[in-house]
N, C-alpha and C. Protein backbone atom coordinates (compact mmCIF):
# COMPACT_ATOMS: atom_id res chain seq x y z
N MET A 1 -89.59 13.22 46.86
CA MET A 1 -90.75 12.90 46.06
C MET A 1 -90.61 11.50 45.46
N ARG A 2 -89.41 11.15 45.07
CA ARG A 2 -89.19 9.82 44.52
C ARG A 2 -89.49 8.77 45.59
N THR A 3 -89.05 9.02 46.81
CA THR A 3 -89.31 8.08 47.90
C THR A 3 -90.81 7.95 48.14
N TRP A 4 -91.53 9.07 48.15
CA TRP A 4 -92.97 9.01 48.32
C TRP A 4 -93.61 8.19 47.22
N ARG A 5 -93.21 8.43 45.99
CA ARG A 5 -93.80 7.73 44.85
C ARG A 5 -93.57 6.23 44.95
N GLU A 6 -92.41 5.84 45.46
CA GLU A 6 -92.10 4.42 45.58
C GLU A 6 -92.91 3.72 46.66
N THR A 7 -93.55 4.50 47.55
CA THR A 7 -94.38 3.88 48.59
C THR A 7 -95.78 3.54 48.10
N LEU A 8 -96.15 4.00 46.92
CA LEU A 8 -97.48 3.71 46.40
C LEU A 8 -97.61 2.22 46.09
N ASP A 9 -98.72 1.63 46.51
CA ASP A 9 -98.92 0.21 46.21
C ASP A 9 -99.45 0.06 44.78
N ALA A 10 -99.47 -1.18 44.32
CA ALA A 10 -99.86 -1.47 42.94
C ALA A 10 -101.27 -0.99 42.64
N ALA A 11 -102.19 -1.13 43.59
CA ALA A 11 -103.58 -0.71 43.36
C ALA A 11 -103.66 0.80 43.17
N ALA A 12 -102.92 1.55 43.96
CA ALA A 12 -102.92 3.01 43.82
C ALA A 12 -102.34 3.42 42.47
N ARG A 13 -101.29 2.75 42.05
CA ARG A 13 -100.70 3.05 40.74
C ARG A 13 -101.69 2.77 39.61
N ARG A 14 -102.30 1.60 39.67
CA ARG A 14 -103.28 1.24 38.63
C ARG A 14 -104.43 2.23 38.61
N GLY A 15 -104.92 2.61 39.79
CA GLY A 15 -106.02 3.57 39.86
C GLY A 15 -105.64 4.91 39.26
N ALA A 16 -104.43 5.38 39.54
CA ALA A 16 -103.97 6.65 38.99
C ALA A 16 -103.87 6.57 37.47
N GLY A 17 -103.29 5.49 36.97
CA GLY A 17 -103.17 5.32 35.52
C GLY A 17 -104.52 5.25 34.84
N ALA A 18 -105.48 4.54 35.46
CA ALA A 18 -106.82 4.42 34.90
C ALA A 18 -107.53 5.78 34.89
N ALA A 19 -107.37 6.56 35.96
CA ALA A 19 -108.03 7.87 36.05
C ALA A 19 -107.52 8.80 34.96
N VAL A 20 -106.22 8.82 34.75
CA VAL A 20 -105.64 9.68 33.71
C VAL A 20 -106.09 9.20 32.32
N ALA A 21 -106.16 7.90 32.13
CA ALA A 21 -106.62 7.38 30.83
C ALA A 21 -108.07 7.76 30.58
N ARG A 22 -108.92 7.74 31.62
CA ARG A 22 -110.32 8.16 31.45
C ARG A 22 -110.41 9.63 31.05
N THR A 23 -109.57 10.46 31.64
CA THR A 23 -109.57 11.89 31.30
C THR A 23 -109.07 12.10 29.88
N GLY A 24 -108.02 11.39 29.51
CA GLY A 24 -107.45 11.55 28.18
C GLY A 24 -106.89 12.95 27.98
N LEU A 25 -106.79 13.36 26.73
CA LEU A 25 -106.27 14.68 26.40
C LEU A 25 -107.34 15.59 25.82
N GLY A 26 -108.60 15.29 26.12
CA GLY A 26 -109.70 16.09 25.61
C GLY A 26 -109.64 17.55 26.03
N PHE A 27 -108.96 17.83 27.13
CA PHE A 27 -108.83 19.22 27.60
C PHE A 27 -107.99 20.06 26.64
N LEU A 28 -107.27 19.44 25.73
CA LEU A 28 -106.48 20.16 24.74
C LEU A 28 -107.30 20.49 23.49
N ASP A 29 -108.59 20.24 23.55
CA ASP A 29 -109.48 20.43 22.41
C ASP A 29 -109.46 21.89 21.95
N PRO A 30 -109.23 22.15 20.71
CA PRO A 30 -108.95 21.14 19.69
C PRO A 30 -107.45 20.84 19.62
N LEU A 31 -107.15 19.58 19.41
CA LEU A 31 -105.76 19.22 19.15
C LEU A 31 -105.37 19.78 17.79
N PRO A 32 -104.11 20.14 17.63
CA PRO A 32 -103.68 20.61 16.30
C PRO A 32 -103.96 19.53 15.25
N PRO A 33 -104.38 19.91 14.04
CA PRO A 33 -104.61 18.92 12.98
C PRO A 33 -103.36 18.07 12.77
N GLY A 34 -103.55 16.77 12.65
CA GLY A 34 -102.43 15.86 12.45
C GLY A 34 -101.52 15.74 13.65
N ALA A 35 -102.06 15.99 14.84
CA ALA A 35 -101.25 15.97 16.07
C ALA A 35 -100.49 14.65 16.22
N ILE A 36 -99.27 14.77 16.65
CA ILE A 36 -98.44 13.62 17.00
C ILE A 36 -98.18 13.74 18.49
N ILE A 37 -98.56 12.71 19.23
CA ILE A 37 -98.46 12.73 20.68
C ILE A 37 -97.33 11.82 21.11
N SER A 38 -96.37 12.39 21.82
CA SER A 38 -95.27 11.59 22.35
C SER A 38 -95.46 11.39 23.84
N GLY A 39 -95.43 10.15 24.24
CA GLY A 39 -95.45 9.80 25.66
C GLY A 39 -94.05 9.44 26.10
N PHE A 40 -93.96 8.52 27.03
CA PHE A 40 -92.67 7.99 27.46
C PHE A 40 -92.91 6.61 28.03
N ALA A 41 -91.88 5.78 27.99
CA ALA A 41 -91.95 4.45 28.59
C ALA A 41 -91.55 4.59 30.05
N PRO A 42 -92.51 4.44 30.97
CA PRO A 42 -92.19 4.69 32.38
C PRO A 42 -91.24 3.66 32.97
N LEU A 43 -90.33 4.18 33.77
CA LEU A 43 -89.46 3.32 34.57
C LEU A 43 -90.26 2.80 35.75
N PRO A 44 -89.79 1.74 36.41
CA PRO A 44 -90.48 1.28 37.61
C PRO A 44 -90.60 2.45 38.61
N GLY A 45 -91.79 2.63 39.13
CA GLY A 45 -92.03 3.72 40.07
C GLY A 45 -92.54 4.98 39.43
N GLU A 46 -92.31 5.17 38.12
CA GLU A 46 -92.83 6.36 37.45
C GLU A 46 -94.33 6.21 37.22
N PHE A 47 -94.96 7.33 36.89
CA PHE A 47 -96.40 7.32 36.66
C PHE A 47 -96.74 6.29 35.58
N PRO A 48 -97.78 5.47 35.82
CA PRO A 48 -98.16 4.43 34.84
C PRO A 48 -98.87 5.03 33.63
N LEU A 49 -98.12 5.34 32.62
CA LEU A 49 -98.63 6.04 31.44
C LEU A 49 -99.23 5.11 30.39
N TRP A 50 -98.92 3.82 30.42
CA TRP A 50 -99.38 2.91 29.37
C TRP A 50 -100.89 2.94 29.15
N PRO A 51 -101.75 2.99 30.20
CA PRO A 51 -103.19 3.03 29.92
C PRO A 51 -103.61 4.23 29.07
N LEU A 52 -103.05 5.39 29.34
CA LEU A 52 -103.37 6.57 28.53
C LEU A 52 -102.88 6.40 27.10
N LEU A 53 -101.67 5.92 26.93
CA LEU A 53 -101.13 5.75 25.58
C LEU A 53 -101.95 4.73 24.79
N ARG A 54 -102.35 3.63 25.45
CA ARG A 54 -103.18 2.64 24.74
C ARG A 54 -104.52 3.24 24.33
N ARG A 55 -105.13 4.05 25.22
CA ARG A 55 -106.41 4.68 24.88
C ARG A 55 -106.24 5.62 23.69
N LEU A 56 -105.21 6.44 23.72
CA LEU A 56 -104.97 7.37 22.62
C LEU A 56 -104.76 6.61 21.31
N GLY A 57 -104.02 5.50 21.38
CA GLY A 57 -103.80 4.68 20.19
C GLY A 57 -105.11 4.10 19.66
N ARG A 58 -105.98 3.61 20.55
CA ARG A 58 -107.28 3.07 20.12
C ARG A 58 -108.13 4.16 19.48
N GLN A 59 -107.93 5.40 19.89
CA GLN A 59 -108.69 6.52 19.33
C GLN A 59 -108.09 7.01 18.00
N GLY A 60 -107.02 6.37 17.56
CA GLY A 60 -106.43 6.71 16.27
C GLY A 60 -105.33 7.75 16.31
N ALA A 61 -104.86 8.11 17.50
CA ALA A 61 -103.78 9.10 17.60
C ALA A 61 -102.49 8.54 17.01
N THR A 62 -101.71 9.41 16.42
CA THR A 62 -100.35 9.06 16.01
C THR A 62 -99.47 9.23 17.23
N LEU A 63 -98.81 8.15 17.64
CA LEU A 63 -98.02 8.16 18.87
C LEU A 63 -96.54 8.00 18.58
N ALA A 64 -95.75 8.52 19.50
CA ALA A 64 -94.29 8.38 19.42
C ALA A 64 -93.76 8.22 20.84
N LEU A 65 -92.57 7.68 20.94
CA LEU A 65 -91.85 7.58 22.21
C LEU A 65 -90.44 8.11 22.01
N PRO A 66 -89.85 8.63 23.08
CA PRO A 66 -88.50 9.21 22.94
C PRO A 66 -87.40 8.17 22.86
N VAL A 67 -86.34 8.58 22.19
CA VAL A 67 -85.11 7.80 22.09
C VAL A 67 -83.97 8.73 22.51
N MET A 68 -83.14 8.26 23.41
CA MET A 68 -82.01 9.08 23.84
C MET A 68 -80.92 9.01 22.78
N GLN A 69 -80.39 10.18 22.42
CA GLN A 69 -79.34 10.27 21.41
C GLN A 69 -77.96 10.48 22.02
N GLY A 70 -77.90 10.67 23.31
CA GLY A 70 -76.62 10.90 23.97
C GLY A 70 -76.71 12.04 24.95
N LYS A 71 -75.73 12.08 25.83
CA LYS A 71 -75.69 13.12 26.85
C LYS A 71 -75.63 14.50 26.20
N ASP A 72 -76.33 15.45 26.79
CA ASP A 72 -76.37 16.84 26.32
C ASP A 72 -77.03 17.02 24.96
N ARG A 73 -77.81 16.02 24.52
CA ARG A 73 -78.51 16.13 23.24
C ARG A 73 -80.01 16.04 23.49
N PRO A 74 -80.82 16.68 22.67
CA PRO A 74 -82.27 16.54 22.82
C PRO A 74 -82.71 15.13 22.46
N LEU A 75 -83.92 14.79 22.86
CA LEU A 75 -84.48 13.49 22.55
C LEU A 75 -84.93 13.44 21.09
N LEU A 76 -84.90 12.25 20.53
CA LEU A 76 -85.45 11.96 19.21
C LEU A 76 -86.74 11.20 19.47
N PHE A 77 -87.73 11.34 18.60
CA PHE A 77 -89.00 10.64 18.79
C PHE A 77 -89.26 9.73 17.61
N ARG A 78 -89.61 8.48 17.93
CA ARG A 78 -89.92 7.49 16.89
C ARG A 78 -91.35 7.01 17.06
N ALA A 79 -91.96 6.67 15.94
CA ALA A 79 -93.34 6.17 15.93
C ALA A 79 -93.45 4.94 16.83
N TRP A 80 -94.60 4.83 17.50
CA TRP A 80 -94.85 3.69 18.39
C TRP A 80 -96.33 3.36 18.38
N LYS A 81 -96.63 2.05 18.42
CA LYS A 81 -97.99 1.54 18.60
C LYS A 81 -97.93 0.46 19.66
N ALA A 82 -99.02 0.29 20.38
CA ALA A 82 -99.10 -0.77 21.38
C ALA A 82 -98.77 -2.11 20.72
N GLY A 83 -97.93 -2.88 21.37
CA GLY A 83 -97.53 -4.18 20.84
C GLY A 83 -96.24 -4.16 20.06
N ASP A 84 -95.72 -2.97 19.71
CA ASP A 84 -94.46 -2.89 18.99
C ASP A 84 -93.32 -3.49 19.82
N ALA A 85 -92.42 -4.18 19.15
CA ALA A 85 -91.19 -4.63 19.81
C ALA A 85 -90.36 -3.40 20.13
N MET A 86 -89.68 -3.45 21.27
CA MET A 86 -88.90 -2.29 21.72
C MET A 86 -87.46 -2.72 22.02
N ASP A 87 -86.57 -1.74 21.94
CA ASP A 87 -85.20 -1.93 22.38
C ASP A 87 -85.07 -1.39 23.80
N ARG A 88 -83.99 -1.75 24.47
CA ARG A 88 -83.68 -1.19 25.79
C ARG A 88 -82.56 -0.19 25.60
N GLY A 89 -82.85 1.06 25.98
CA GLY A 89 -81.87 2.12 25.85
C GLY A 89 -81.15 2.36 27.17
N VAL A 90 -80.65 3.57 27.32
CA VAL A 90 -79.95 3.99 28.52
C VAL A 90 -80.86 3.78 29.73
N TRP A 91 -80.32 3.33 30.83
CA TRP A 91 -81.04 3.05 32.08
C TRP A 91 -82.13 2.01 31.90
N GLY A 92 -82.08 1.24 30.83
CA GLY A 92 -83.08 0.21 30.61
C GLY A 92 -84.42 0.72 30.12
N ILE A 93 -84.48 1.97 29.68
CA ILE A 93 -85.74 2.56 29.22
C ILE A 93 -86.10 1.97 27.86
N ALA A 94 -87.35 1.52 27.73
CA ALA A 94 -87.82 0.97 26.46
C ALA A 94 -87.91 2.08 25.42
N GLU A 95 -87.41 1.78 24.22
CA GLU A 95 -87.40 2.74 23.12
C GLU A 95 -87.85 2.03 21.84
N PRO A 96 -88.54 2.75 20.95
CA PRO A 96 -88.88 2.16 19.65
C PRO A 96 -87.62 1.76 18.90
N LYS A 97 -87.75 0.73 18.10
CA LYS A 97 -86.62 0.24 17.32
C LYS A 97 -86.22 1.27 16.25
N PRO A 98 -84.95 1.22 15.82
CA PRO A 98 -84.44 2.21 14.85
C PRO A 98 -85.15 2.20 13.51
N ASP A 99 -85.88 1.13 13.18
CA ASP A 99 -86.58 1.11 11.89
C ASP A 99 -87.89 1.89 11.92
N LYS A 100 -88.29 2.36 13.08
CA LYS A 100 -89.51 3.18 13.18
C LYS A 100 -89.17 4.60 12.75
N PRO A 101 -90.09 5.25 12.01
CA PRO A 101 -89.78 6.59 11.52
C PRO A 101 -89.68 7.62 12.65
N ALA A 102 -88.79 8.57 12.46
CA ALA A 102 -88.67 9.70 13.39
C ALA A 102 -89.84 10.65 13.14
N LEU A 103 -90.43 11.14 14.21
CA LEU A 103 -91.57 12.05 14.14
C LEU A 103 -91.30 13.28 15.00
N THR A 104 -91.94 14.38 14.67
CA THR A 104 -91.85 15.59 15.49
C THR A 104 -93.18 15.75 16.21
N PRO A 105 -93.18 15.60 17.54
CA PRO A 105 -94.45 15.68 18.26
C PRO A 105 -95.00 17.11 18.31
N THR A 106 -96.32 17.18 18.40
CA THR A 106 -96.99 18.45 18.64
C THR A 106 -97.50 18.51 20.08
N VAL A 107 -97.64 17.33 20.71
CA VAL A 107 -97.97 17.23 22.13
C VAL A 107 -96.92 16.33 22.75
N LEU A 108 -96.29 16.82 23.80
CA LEU A 108 -95.23 16.08 24.47
C LEU A 108 -95.65 15.81 25.91
N ILE A 109 -95.86 14.53 26.25
CA ILE A 109 -96.19 14.15 27.62
C ILE A 109 -94.86 13.94 28.34
N VAL A 110 -94.70 14.65 29.45
CA VAL A 110 -93.41 14.76 30.13
C VAL A 110 -93.46 14.15 31.53
N PRO A 111 -92.50 13.28 31.87
CA PRO A 111 -92.45 12.75 33.23
C PRO A 111 -91.92 13.80 34.20
N LEU A 112 -92.23 13.64 35.46
CA LEU A 112 -91.71 14.58 36.45
C LEU A 112 -91.76 13.97 37.84
N LEU A 113 -91.00 14.57 38.74
CA LEU A 113 -91.00 14.20 40.16
C LEU A 113 -91.85 15.15 40.97
N ALA A 114 -91.89 16.42 40.60
CA ALA A 114 -92.69 17.44 41.29
C ALA A 114 -93.00 18.54 40.29
N PHE A 115 -94.07 19.30 40.58
CA PHE A 115 -94.47 20.41 39.71
C PHE A 115 -95.13 21.49 40.54
N ASP A 116 -95.16 22.69 39.95
CA ASP A 116 -95.90 23.78 40.60
C ASP A 116 -96.92 24.35 39.61
N ALA A 117 -97.75 25.26 40.08
CA ALA A 117 -98.84 25.81 39.28
C ALA A 117 -98.35 26.64 38.09
N GLN A 118 -97.10 27.08 38.12
CA GLN A 118 -96.55 27.85 37.01
C GLN A 118 -95.99 26.95 35.90
N GLY A 119 -96.00 25.64 36.13
CA GLY A 119 -95.52 24.72 35.11
C GLY A 119 -94.06 24.34 35.23
N TRP A 120 -93.39 24.79 36.28
CA TRP A 120 -92.01 24.35 36.50
C TRP A 120 -92.06 22.92 37.01
N ARG A 121 -91.12 22.12 36.56
CA ARG A 121 -91.10 20.71 36.94
C ARG A 121 -89.72 20.32 37.42
N LEU A 122 -89.73 19.36 38.30
CA LEU A 122 -88.49 18.74 38.75
C LEU A 122 -88.41 17.39 38.08
N GLY A 123 -87.34 17.18 37.30
CA GLY A 123 -87.13 15.91 36.64
C GLY A 123 -86.04 15.14 37.36
N TYR A 124 -85.25 14.41 36.60
CA TYR A 124 -84.17 13.63 37.19
C TYR A 124 -82.82 14.33 37.11
N GLY A 125 -82.79 15.54 36.56
CA GLY A 125 -81.55 16.30 36.56
C GLY A 125 -80.70 16.18 35.31
N GLY A 126 -81.11 15.38 34.34
CA GLY A 126 -80.32 15.23 33.13
C GLY A 126 -80.56 16.33 32.10
N GLY A 127 -81.67 17.04 32.22
CA GLY A 127 -81.97 18.13 31.29
C GLY A 127 -82.48 17.69 29.93
N PHE A 128 -82.77 16.41 29.74
CA PHE A 128 -83.18 15.92 28.43
C PHE A 128 -84.47 16.60 27.95
N TYR A 129 -85.46 16.68 28.81
CA TYR A 129 -86.72 17.30 28.40
C TYR A 129 -86.59 18.80 28.26
N ASP A 130 -85.77 19.45 29.08
CA ASP A 130 -85.55 20.89 28.92
C ASP A 130 -84.92 21.18 27.56
N ARG A 131 -83.86 20.46 27.21
CA ARG A 131 -83.21 20.66 25.91
C ARG A 131 -84.18 20.38 24.76
N THR A 132 -84.95 19.30 24.92
CA THR A 132 -85.88 18.91 23.87
C THR A 132 -86.98 19.94 23.69
N LEU A 133 -87.57 20.39 24.79
CA LEU A 133 -88.62 21.42 24.70
C LEU A 133 -88.08 22.71 24.09
N ARG A 134 -86.89 23.10 24.50
CA ARG A 134 -86.30 24.33 23.96
C ARG A 134 -86.13 24.20 22.45
N GLU A 135 -85.61 23.07 22.00
CA GLU A 135 -85.41 22.88 20.56
C GLU A 135 -86.74 22.84 19.81
N LEU A 136 -87.70 22.07 20.33
CA LEU A 136 -88.99 21.99 19.66
C LEU A 136 -89.68 23.35 19.61
N ARG A 137 -89.64 24.09 20.71
CA ARG A 137 -90.29 25.41 20.74
C ARG A 137 -89.62 26.40 19.80
N SER A 138 -88.36 26.20 19.50
CA SER A 138 -87.68 27.12 18.58
C SER A 138 -88.05 26.83 17.12
N ASN A 139 -88.61 25.65 16.86
CA ASN A 139 -88.90 25.24 15.48
C ASN A 139 -90.37 25.06 15.16
N THR A 140 -91.21 24.87 16.19
CA THR A 140 -92.61 24.52 15.93
C THR A 140 -93.45 24.85 17.16
N SER A 141 -94.75 24.69 17.01
CA SER A 141 -95.66 24.86 18.14
C SER A 141 -95.77 23.52 18.86
N ILE A 142 -95.59 23.52 20.15
CA ILE A 142 -95.63 22.29 20.94
C ILE A 142 -96.42 22.55 22.22
N ILE A 143 -97.20 21.57 22.64
CA ILE A 143 -97.90 21.62 23.92
C ILE A 143 -97.23 20.59 24.82
N ALA A 144 -96.73 21.04 25.96
CA ALA A 144 -96.07 20.15 26.91
C ALA A 144 -97.02 19.87 28.07
N VAL A 145 -97.25 18.57 28.32
CA VAL A 145 -98.16 18.14 29.38
C VAL A 145 -97.37 17.27 30.35
N GLY A 146 -97.18 17.76 31.57
CA GLY A 146 -96.57 16.95 32.61
C GLY A 146 -97.59 15.93 33.10
N ILE A 147 -97.12 14.80 33.56
CA ILE A 147 -98.01 13.75 34.07
C ILE A 147 -97.56 13.41 35.48
N ALA A 148 -98.51 13.41 36.43
CA ALA A 148 -98.11 13.25 37.83
C ALA A 148 -99.28 12.82 38.69
N HIS A 149 -98.94 12.36 39.87
CA HIS A 149 -99.93 12.15 40.93
C HIS A 149 -100.24 13.51 41.53
N ASP A 150 -101.43 13.67 42.07
CA ASP A 150 -101.82 14.94 42.70
C ASP A 150 -100.83 15.36 43.79
N ALA A 151 -100.35 14.40 44.55
CA ALA A 151 -99.47 14.70 45.68
C ALA A 151 -98.08 15.19 45.25
N GLN A 152 -97.79 15.18 43.97
CA GLN A 152 -96.50 15.67 43.49
C GLN A 152 -96.50 17.18 43.29
N ALA A 153 -97.64 17.83 43.54
CA ALA A 153 -97.71 19.29 43.45
C ALA A 153 -97.00 19.89 44.66
N VAL A 154 -96.21 20.93 44.40
CA VAL A 154 -95.53 21.67 45.46
C VAL A 154 -95.78 23.16 45.23
N ASP A 155 -95.49 23.96 46.24
CA ASP A 155 -95.72 25.40 46.12
C ASP A 155 -94.86 26.04 45.05
N ALA A 156 -93.59 25.66 45.00
CA ALA A 156 -92.68 26.25 44.02
C ALA A 156 -91.54 25.29 43.72
N VAL A 157 -91.24 25.13 42.46
CA VAL A 157 -90.10 24.32 42.03
C VAL A 157 -88.96 25.28 41.69
N PRO A 158 -87.80 25.10 42.30
CA PRO A 158 -86.67 25.95 41.92
C PRO A 158 -86.32 25.74 40.45
N HIS A 159 -85.97 26.80 39.77
CA HIS A 159 -85.64 26.67 38.34
C HIS A 159 -84.57 27.68 37.96
N LEU A 160 -83.89 27.35 36.88
CA LEU A 160 -82.83 28.21 36.35
C LEU A 160 -83.22 28.67 34.95
N ASP A 161 -82.40 29.50 34.35
CA ASP A 161 -82.75 30.08 33.06
C ASP A 161 -82.84 29.05 31.93
N TYR A 162 -82.25 27.89 32.07
CA TYR A 162 -82.31 26.88 31.01
C TYR A 162 -83.45 25.89 31.21
N ASP A 163 -84.19 25.99 32.32
CA ASP A 163 -85.33 25.11 32.56
C ASP A 163 -86.51 25.53 31.70
N GLU A 164 -87.31 24.57 31.28
CA GLU A 164 -88.49 24.81 30.45
C GLU A 164 -89.73 24.40 31.22
N ARG A 165 -90.78 25.22 31.11
CA ARG A 165 -92.05 24.94 31.78
C ARG A 165 -92.92 24.01 30.93
N VAL A 166 -93.84 23.32 31.60
CA VAL A 166 -94.90 22.60 30.89
C VAL A 166 -96.12 23.52 30.84
N ASP A 167 -96.98 23.28 29.87
CA ASP A 167 -98.18 24.10 29.69
C ASP A 167 -99.34 23.60 30.55
N TRP A 168 -99.36 22.30 30.77
CA TRP A 168 -100.41 21.64 31.53
C TRP A 168 -99.76 20.58 32.41
N VAL A 169 -100.46 20.18 33.47
CA VAL A 169 -100.11 18.98 34.22
C VAL A 169 -101.40 18.18 34.34
N LEU A 170 -101.34 16.91 33.98
CA LEU A 170 -102.48 16.01 34.07
C LEU A 170 -102.25 15.08 35.26
N THR A 171 -103.19 15.11 36.21
CA THR A 171 -103.14 14.25 37.39
C THR A 171 -104.42 13.41 37.41
N PRO A 172 -104.50 12.42 38.29
CA PRO A 172 -105.74 11.64 38.40
C PRO A 172 -106.97 12.51 38.70
N SER A 173 -106.79 13.66 39.32
CA SER A 173 -107.92 14.56 39.59
C SER A 173 -108.32 15.38 38.38
N GLY A 174 -107.48 15.42 37.36
CA GLY A 174 -107.81 16.17 36.16
C GLY A 174 -106.67 17.07 35.73
N PRO A 175 -106.88 17.84 34.67
CA PRO A 175 -105.83 18.70 34.12
C PRO A 175 -105.71 20.02 34.88
N LEU A 176 -104.52 20.54 34.94
CA LEU A 176 -104.23 21.85 35.51
C LEU A 176 -103.52 22.67 34.45
N ARG A 177 -104.12 23.80 34.06
CA ARG A 177 -103.49 24.72 33.10
C ARG A 177 -102.46 25.53 33.87
N CYS A 178 -101.23 25.48 33.47
CA CYS A 178 -100.16 26.19 34.16
C CYS A 178 -100.11 27.63 33.68
N VAL A 179 -99.94 28.52 34.63
CA VAL A 179 -99.88 29.94 34.29
C VAL A 179 -98.60 30.53 34.83
N SER A 180 -97.95 31.37 34.03
CA SER A 180 -96.72 31.99 34.51
C SER A 180 -97.05 33.06 35.53
N ALA A 181 -96.18 33.20 36.51
CA ALA A 181 -96.43 34.17 37.58
C ALA A 181 -96.08 35.57 37.14
């Protein structure tokens, strides 16, 4: 799936990002009062999330981005606005600077390589989002939204007992509500 994603040309990437930004998160209506939405800073080749995050910011959403705290630890989320200076974390991923306040998201936008209709996702194998979702779900109500190209859908994603499902997947074609089998 990573190889397929890397074959997409710049126009296809821009189109996918624009389509998702047009859809927005209105399908989650109503958002929890005071919702904090965490996205992610995409690596080269990952889904172009910046257009959606900029739109949400223009609409007044409180936004956050993840910060890696170390191997085998859940992610931390810090406040972020378009134009903020960023640090480079592990693997060169852009992260909000340490002076930004830590926030607890109520909506978590999750990167993925593949997904199925039940909400199982294939990530990069580090387990960061699984650990984070498990911790957040044990303490609060959270909505997890995977973000992907339509072609990243597969019949079934293998999963283990420590894997966490997403509630929705947002693709350029629109949102898919994930249902457990």
